[in-house]
Each structure stands twice: as structure tokens, then as C-alpha cells.
Amino acid sequence: MLAHKLKGHSMNPVEQDIARRKNEIIAEVNALFNANIKFTDWDVPEADNELAGKLILEIMQEALDGLKAKLDAGELK
């Protein structure tokens, strides 16, 4: 939805605010992922970063799915 509206369509103030912070939000998600890869490197000698990345992404997706479920249920007001 936001991607469509970013292409010149009229946005309400909430959409404008989120659009302004889009790159920051993406950077924060990337930082969380990279921090967890680094923790695995520190904790596990000779870690398989590809496997770690896949597992971390699965956990992040699980968290996003949980947030979406709460939003859809009206729990994030």
C-alpha cells in the first residue's frame, strides 16, 4: 500500500510520516539482522553465516507475523 502511494499519490499525515522514515526503518531492521549475525560469530566458532542468516530471518518473520496478527486483531492501537 505505501509503495503505491509513494509514487506520487496523495498520502495522509501518517503515511507521509512513515514514508519520511522508510529508510531509517529499513536501516534499523538491517542493523538488527547484522547484530544477530555478529553475535553468532562471537558465540559459535566457525559459524555458518548462511545458516545463521536463514534462521535469524525466520525468527524475524515470525515476529513480524505476530505483530501483524496483533494489528489485525486490533491490539496495537
Protein backbone atom coordinates (compact mmCIF):
# COMPACT_ATOMS: atom_id res chain seq x y z
CA MET A 1 0.00 0.00 0.00
CA LEU A 2 2.65 2.54 0.99
CA ALA A 3 4.83 1.71 -2.02
CA HIS A 4 1.91 2.52 -4.33
CA LYS A 5 1.22 5.80 -2.54
CA LEU A 6 4.89 6.78 -2.61
CA LYS A 7 4.66 7.09 -6.39
CA GLY A 8 3.01 10.49 -6.30
CA HIS A 9 -0.44 9.69 -4.95
CA SER A 10 -1.93 11.72 -2.13
CA MET A 11 -0.95 10.49 1.33
CA ASN A 12 -2.44 11.24 4.72
CA PRO A 13 -0.17 12.57 7.52
CA VAL A 14 0.55 9.11 8.97
CA GLU A 15 1.57 7.78 5.56
CA GLN A 16 3.74 10.86 4.99
CA ASP A 17 5.46 10.38 8.35
CA ILE A 18 6.20 6.70 7.72
CA ALA A 19 7.34 7.43 4.16
CA ARG A 20 9.82 10.01 5.51
CA ARG A 21 11.21 7.41 7.92
CA LYS A 22 11.18 4.46 5.50
CA ASN A 23 14.97 4.37 5.01
CA GLU A 24 15.53 4.69 8.77
CA ILE A 25 13.16 1.78 9.46
CA ILE A 26 14.90 -0.36 6.83
CA ALA A 27 18.30 0.54 8.29
CA GLU A 28 17.12 -0.45 11.79
CA VAL A 29 15.86 -3.83 10.55
CA ASN A 30 19.16 -4.42 8.74
CA ALA A 31 21.09 -3.42 11.88
CA LEU A 32 19.10 -5.91 13.97
CA PHE A 33 19.83 -8.68 11.47
CA ASN A 34 23.55 -7.79 11.26
CA ALA A 35 23.89 -7.57 15.05
CA ASN A 36 22.47 -11.07 15.41
CA ILE A 37 24.83 -12.44 12.73
CA LYS A 38 27.70 -10.83 14.65
CA PHE A 39 26.53 -12.37 17.96
CA THR A 40 26.52 -15.79 16.31
CA ASP A 41 30.05 -15.19 15.02
CA TRP A 42 31.14 -14.32 18.56
CA ASP A 43 29.32 -17.24 20.21
CA VAL A 44 29.98 -20.01 17.69
CA PRO A 45 33.49 -20.63 16.37
CA GLU A 46 33.47 -21.03 12.59
CA ALA A 47 29.74 -20.32 12.39
CA ASP A 48 27.85 -20.99 9.16
CA ASN A 49 26.64 -17.45 8.45
CA GLU A 50 24.32 -18.57 5.66
CA LEU A 51 22.51 -20.92 8.04
CA ALA A 52 22.54 -18.31 10.80
CA GLY A 53 21.10 -15.74 8.40
CA LYS A 54 18.29 -18.06 7.34
CA LEU A 55 17.41 -18.88 10.95
CA ILE A 56 17.52 -15.23 12.01
CA LEU A 57 15.28 -14.25 9.10
CA GLU A 58 12.81 -16.99 10.09
CA ILE A 59 12.68 -15.59 13.63
CA MET A 60 12.33 -12.02 12.37
CA GLN A 61 9.49 -13.11 10.05
CA GLU A 62 7.81 -14.90 12.96
CA ALA A 63 8.00 -11.68 14.97
CA LEU A 64 6.59 -9.64 12.05
CA ASP A 65 3.79 -12.16 11.57
CA GLY A 66 2.97 -11.89 15.28
CA LEU A 67 2.86 -8.10 15.09
CA LYS A 68 0.62 -8.27 12.01
CA ALA A 69 -1.73 -10.67 13.80
CA LYS A 70 -1.95 -8.26 16.76
CA LEU A 71 -2.57 -5.33 14.41
CA ASP A 72 -5.26 -7.27 12.51
CA ALA A 73 -6.88 -8.18 15.86
CA GLY A 74 -6.95 -4.53 16.88
CA GLU A 75 -4.43 -5.00 19.68
CA LEU A 76 -1.98 -2.28 18.50
CA LYS A 77 -3.97 0.88 18.94
